C-alpha atoms as a PDB file:
ATOM      1  CA  MET A   1     -62.255  18.121   3.868  1.00  0.00           C
ATOM      2  CA  VAL A   2     -59.891  15.768   6.006  1.00  0.00           C
ATOM      3  CA  PRO A   3     -60.762  15.589   9.743  1.00  0.00           C
ATOM      4  CA  ASP A   4     -58.082  16.768  11.984  1.00  0.00           C
ATOM      5  CA  ALA A   5     -57.540  13.403  13.686  1.00  0.00           C
ATOM      6  CA  VAL A   6     -56.882  11.868  10.237  1.00  0.00           C
ATOM      7  CA  ARG A   7     -54.730  14.669   9.252  1.00  0.00           C
ATOM      8  CA  SER A   8     -52.518  14.347  12.292  1.00  0.00           C
ATOM      9  CA  LEU A   9     -52.252  10.510  11.857  1.00  0.00           C
ATOM     10  CA  LEU A  10     -51.041  10.911   8.394  1.00  0.00           C
ATOM     11  CA  LEU A  11     -48.688  13.474   9.426  1.00  0.00           C
ATOM     12  CA  ILE A  12     -47.291  11.203  11.923  1.00  0.00           C
ATOM     13  CA  VAL A  13     -47.061   8.341   9.417  1.00  0.00           C
ATOM     14  CA  LEU A  14     -45.301  10.563   6.833  1.00  0.00           C
ATOM     15  CA  CYS A  15     -42.799  11.853   9.299  1.00  0.00           C
ATOM     16  CA  ALA A  16     -42.103   8.322  10.463  1.00  0.00           C
ATOM     17  CA  ALA A  17     -41.305   7.265   7.053  1.00  0.00           C
ATOM     18  CA  LEU A  18     -39.145  10.006   6.507  1.00  0.00           C
ATOM     19  CA  VAL A  19     -37.158   9.666   9.724  1.00  0.00           C
ATOM     20  CA  SER A  20     -36.592   5.917   9.006  1.00  0.00           C
ATOM     21  CA  GLY A  21     -35.693   6.519   5.461  1.00  0.00           C
ATOM     22  CA  CYS A  22     -33.117   8.906   6.736  1.00  0.00           C
ATOM     23  CA  ALA A  23     -31.945   6.523   9.393  1.00  0.00           C
ATOM     24  CA  SER A  24     -31.169   3.701   6.845  1.00  0.00           C
ATOM     25  CA  THR A  25     -27.672   3.447   5.472  1.00  0.00           C
ATOM     26  CA  PRO A  26     -27.261   3.192   1.806  1.00  0.00           C
ATOM     27  CA  GLU A  27     -25.976  -0.100   0.281  1.00  0.00           C
ATOM     28  CA  PRO A  28     -22.151   0.091  -0.026  1.00  0.00           C
ATOM     29  CA  GLU A  29     -20.665   0.249  -3.641  1.00  0.00           C
ATOM     30  CA  PRO A  30     -19.479  -3.273  -4.710  1.00  0.00           C
ATOM     31  CA  ALA A  31     -15.848  -3.486  -4.672  1.00  0.00           C
ATOM     32  CA  VAL A  32     -14.450  -3.393  -8.198  1.00  0.00           C
ATOM     33  CA  ASP A  33     -11.474  -5.652  -8.939  1.00  0.00           C
ATOM     34  CA  ARG A  34      -8.842  -3.665 -10.830  1.00  0.00           C
ATOM     35  CA  SER A  35      -6.047  -6.264 -10.444  1.00  0.00           C
ATOM     36  CA  ALA A  36      -6.018  -7.002 -14.201  1.00  0.00           C
ATOM     37  CA  GLU A  37      -5.829  -3.424 -15.276  1.00  0.00           C
ATOM     38  CA  ALA A  38      -3.153  -2.728 -12.764  1.00  0.00           C
ATOM     39  CA  GLY A  39      -1.206  -5.783 -13.982  1.00  0.00           C
ATOM     40  CA  GLU A  40      -1.255  -4.449 -17.343  1.00  0.00           C
ATOM     41  CA  LEU A  41       0.014  -1.018 -16.163  1.00  0.00           C
ATOM     42  CA  ALA A  42       2.751  -2.769 -14.240  1.00  0.00           C
ATOM     43  CA  ARG A  43       3.842  -4.877 -17.274  1.00  0.00           C
ATOM     44  CA  GLN A  44       3.739  -1.607 -19.445  1.00  0.00           C
ATOM     45  CA  ALA A  45       5.854   0.202 -16.633  1.00  0.00           C
ATOM     46  CA  TRP A  46       8.355  -2.559 -16.625  1.00  0.00           C
ATOM     47  CA  HIS A  47       8.856  -2.337 -20.416  1.00  0.00           C
ATOM     48  CA  ALA A  48       8.996   1.373 -20.263  1.00  0.00           C
ATOM     49  CA  GLN A  49      11.741   0.925 -17.537  1.00  0.00           C
ATOM     50  CA  GLN A  50      13.783  -1.501 -19.673  1.00  0.00           C
ATOM     51  CA  GLU A  51      13.438   1.147 -22.579  1.00  0.00           C
ATOM     52  CA  GLY A  52      14.951   3.748 -20.222  1.00  0.00           C
ATOM     53  CA  LYS A  53      11.471   5.726 -20.247  1.00  0.00           C
ATOM     54  CA  LEU A  54      11.891   6.379 -16.597  1.00  0.00           C
ATOM     55  CA  ASP A  55       9.305   9.037 -16.211  1.00  0.00           C
ATOM     56  CA  GLU A  56       6.685   6.752 -18.108  1.00  0.00           C
ATOM     57  CA  ALA A  57       7.483   3.969 -16.037  1.00  0.00           C
ATOM     58  CA  LEU A  58       7.306   5.714 -12.710  1.00  0.00           C
ATOM     59  CA  ALA A  59       3.760   7.073 -14.080  1.00  0.00           C
ATOM     60  CA  HIS A  60       2.558   3.587 -14.831  1.00  0.00           C
ATOM     61  CA  TYR A  61       3.760   2.191 -11.744  1.00  0.00           C
ATOM     62  CA  ARG A  62       2.142   4.796  -9.547  1.00  0.00           C
ATOM     63  CA  GLN A  63      -1.150   4.188 -11.646  1.00  0.00           C
ATOM     64  CA  ALA A  64      -0.955   0.360 -11.004  1.00  0.00           C
ATOM     65  CA  PHE A  65      -0.103   0.636  -7.363  1.00  0.00           C
ATOM     66  CA  SER A  66      -3.233   2.976  -6.811  1.00  0.00           C
ATOM     67  CA  LEU A  67      -5.329   0.687  -8.546  1.00  0.00           C
ATOM     68  CA  ASP A  68      -4.087  -2.451  -6.594  1.00  0.00           C
ATOM     69  CA  PRO A  69      -1.889  -1.729  -3.727  1.00  0.00           C
ATOM     70  CA  ARG A  70      -1.790  -5.638  -2.689  1.00  0.00           C
ATOM     71  CA  ASN A  71       0.597  -6.237  -5.547  1.00  0.00           C
ATOM     72  CA  ALA A  72       3.892  -6.436  -3.629  1.00  0.00           C
ATOM     73  CA  MET A  73       5.923  -6.778  -6.825  1.00  0.00           C
ATOM     74  CA  THR A  74       4.339  -3.263  -8.051  1.00  0.00           C
ATOM     75  CA  ALA A  75       5.184  -1.701  -4.726  1.00  0.00           C
ATOM     76  CA  ASN A  76       8.690  -3.117  -4.824  1.00  0.00           C
ATOM     77  CA  ASN A  77       9.335  -2.005  -8.448  1.00  0.00           C
ATOM     78  CA  LEU A  78       7.883   1.339  -7.834  1.00  0.00           C
ATOM     79  CA  ALA A  79       9.896   1.921  -4.651  1.00  0.00           C
ATOM     80  CA  LEU A  80      13.169   0.600  -6.443  1.00  0.00           C
ATOM     81  CA  LEU A  81      12.784   3.004  -9.334  1.00  0.00           C
ATOM     82  CA  LEU A  82      12.217   6.053  -6.738  1.00  0.00           C
ATOM     83  CA  ARG A  83      15.328   4.973  -4.991  1.00  0.00           C
ATOM     84  CA  GLU A  84      17.297   5.058  -8.245  1.00  0.00           C
ATOM     85  CA  GLN A  85      16.022   8.514  -8.726  1.00  0.00           C
ATOM     86  CA  GLY A  86      17.093   9.622  -5.016  1.00  0.00           C
ATOM     87  CA  ARG A  87      13.690   9.722  -3.832  1.00  0.00           C
ATOM     88  CA  PHE A  88      14.314   7.954  -0.828  1.00  0.00           C
ATOM     89  CA  ASP A  89      11.397   9.291   1.371  1.00  0.00           C
ATOM     90  CA  GLU A  90       8.963   8.364  -1.408  1.00  0.00           C
ATOM     91  CA  ALA A  91      10.473   4.981  -1.939  1.00  0.00           C
ATOM     92  CA  VAL A  92      10.197   4.303   2.096  1.00  0.00           C
ATOM     93  CA  LYS A  93       6.460   5.424   1.843  1.00  0.00           C
ATOM     94  CA  THR A  94       5.641   3.148  -0.990  1.00  0.00           C
ATOM     95  CA  LEU A  95       7.356   0.255   0.636  1.00  0.00           C
ATOM     96  CA  ARG A  96       5.534   0.891   3.933  1.00  0.00           C
ATOM     97  CA  GLU A  97       2.079   1.129   2.071  1.00  0.00           C
ATOM     98  CA  GLY A  98       3.113  -2.158   0.269  1.00  0.00           C
ATOM     99  CA  LEU A  99       3.643  -3.737   3.673  1.00  0.00           C
ATOM    100  CA  GLU A 100       0.273  -2.665   4.983  1.00  0.00           C
ATOM    101  CA  HIS A 101      -1.293  -4.834   2.263  1.00  0.00           C
ATOM    102  CA  SER A 102       1.408  -7.444   2.209  1.00  0.00           C
ATOM    103  CA  PRO A 103       2.995  -7.823   5.397  1.00  0.00           C
ATOM    104  CA  ASP A 104       4.746 -11.040   4.837  1.00  0.00           C
ATOM    105  CA  THR A 105       6.522  -9.950   1.544  1.00  0.00           C
ATOM    106  CA  ALA A 106      10.146 -10.454   2.291  1.00  0.00           C
ATOM    107  CA  GLU A 107      11.537  -8.388  -0.400  1.00  0.00           C
ATOM    108  CA  LEU A 108       9.374  -5.393   0.650  1.00  0.00           C
ATOM    109  CA  HIS A 109      11.219  -5.796   4.110  1.00  0.00           C
ATOM    110  CA  TYR A 110      14.446  -6.203   2.605  1.00  0.00           C
ATOM    111  CA  ASN A 111      14.467  -3.166   0.490  1.00  0.00           C
ATOM    112  CA  LEU A 112      12.910  -1.142   2.950  1.00  0.00           C
ATOM    113  CA  ALA A 113      15.846  -2.171   5.593  1.00  0.00           C
ATOM    114  CA  VAL A 114      18.492  -1.218   2.627  1.00  0.00           C
ATOM    115  CA  ILE A 115      17.096   2.076   2.169  1.00  0.00           C
ATOM    116  CA  SER A 116      16.582   2.810   5.771  1.00  0.00           C
ATOM    117  CA  GLU A 117      20.166   1.893   6.459  1.00  0.00           C
ATOM    118  CA  LEU A 118      22.184   3.025   3.594  1.00  0.00           C
ATOM    119  CA  TYR A 119      20.273   6.094   2.406  1.00  0.00           C
ATOM    120  CA  LEU A 120      18.315   7.424   5.485  1.00  0.00           C
ATOM    121  CA  LEU A 121      20.721   6.313   8.277  1.00  0.00           C
ATOM    122  CA  ASP A 122      17.573   5.042  10.192  1.00  0.00           C
ATOM    123  CA  LEU A 123      19.440   2.334  11.639  1.00  0.00           C
ATOM    124  CA  ALA A 124      16.533   1.074  14.004  1.00  0.00           C
ATOM    125  CA  THR A 125      14.066   0.871  11.166  1.00  0.00           C
ATOM    126  CA  ALA A 126      16.744  -1.208   9.163  1.00  0.00           C
ATOM    127  CA  LEU A 127      17.320  -3.450  11.797  1.00  0.00           C
ATOM    128  CA  ARG A 128      13.739  -4.225  12.370  1.00  0.00           C
ATOM    129  CA  HIS A 129      13.126  -4.851   8.773  1.00  0.00           C
ATOM    130  CA  TYR A 130      16.341  -7.064   8.459  1.00  0.00           C
ATOM    131  CA  ARG A 131      15.176  -9.134  11.101  1.00  0.00           C
ATOM    132  CA  ARG A 132      11.630  -9.628   9.681  1.00  0.00           C
ATOM    133  CA  TYR A 133      13.195 -10.314   6.050  1.00  0.00           C
ATOM    134  CA  ARG A 134      15.264 -13.075   7.747  1.00  0.00           C
ATOM    135  CA  GLU A 135      12.358 -14.476   9.393  1.00  0.00           C
ATOM    136  CA  LEU A 136      10.457 -14.649   5.875  1.00  0.00           C
ATOM    137  CA  ALA A 137      13.133 -15.249   3.461  1.00  0.00           C
ATOM    138  CA  ASP A 138      13.727 -18.740   2.278  1.00  0.00           C
ATOM    139  CA  THR A 139      17.464 -18.621   2.258  1.00  0.00           C
ATOM    140  CA  GLU A 140      20.166 -19.259   5.110  1.00  0.00           C
ATOM    141  CA  GLY A 141      20.733 -15.603   5.153  1.00  0.00           C
ATOM    142  CA  LYS A 142      24.177 -15.506   6.573  1.00  0.00           C
ATOM    143  CA  GLN A 143      24.954 -12.267   4.789  1.00  0.00           C
ATOM    144  CA  VAL A 144      21.917 -10.565   6.425  1.00  0.00           C
ATOM    145  CA  ALA A 145      22.877 -12.161   9.802  1.00  0.00           C
ATOM    146  CA  GLY A 146      26.042 -10.279   9.734  1.00  0.00           C
ATOM    147  CA  TRP A 147      24.305  -6.967   8.779  1.00  0.00           C
ATOM    148  CA  ILE A 148      21.918  -7.594  11.607  1.00  0.00           C
ATOM    149  CA  ALA A 149      24.877  -8.334  14.032  1.00  0.00           C
ATOM    150  CA  ASP A 150      26.471  -5.081  12.835  1.00  0.00           C
ATOM    151  CA  LEU A 151      23.331  -2.957  13.281  1.00  0.00           C
ATOM    152  CA  GLU A 152      22.951  -4.660  16.518  1.00  0.00           C
ATOM    153  CA  ARG A 153      26.264  -3.184  17.708  1.00  0.00           C
ATOM    154  CA  ARG A 154      25.535   0.215  16.291  1.00  0.00           C
ATOM    155  CA  VAL A 155      22.024   0.711  17.551  1.00  0.00           C
ATOM    156  CA  GLU A 156      21.739  -1.160  20.856  1.00  0.00           C
END
């Protein structure tokens, strides 16, 4: 038979071990790089789009973008395909998500500005993203400067 003092001590040690085990945080799962798989899906999407298989292209772009949202070209291509289908809100959502991961990609700003201005009539958003595009673009941007001036007159 185990004396009460020893039993109490064992119980305290066991409880302390359980509590410390519960308080510890599990090791996070290592991040898996799926960019190669995403790149292959984006390539398949582009080929499907060229062949006029738009539903297949859309599915591949969506999957590629979900695997690697940092790929600005995939975000841009997906958004442009959505725009072609008249799905402007989805296109804007995709461009915004792309910008969360690639905020300095000029093309994402440009296409968000175009869709916002021409299809959604959200002139303030268009103006903000044309300005950012002009800051990032590697061009003189005289045409964009004219669009910005026009929007400034209409918005401000």
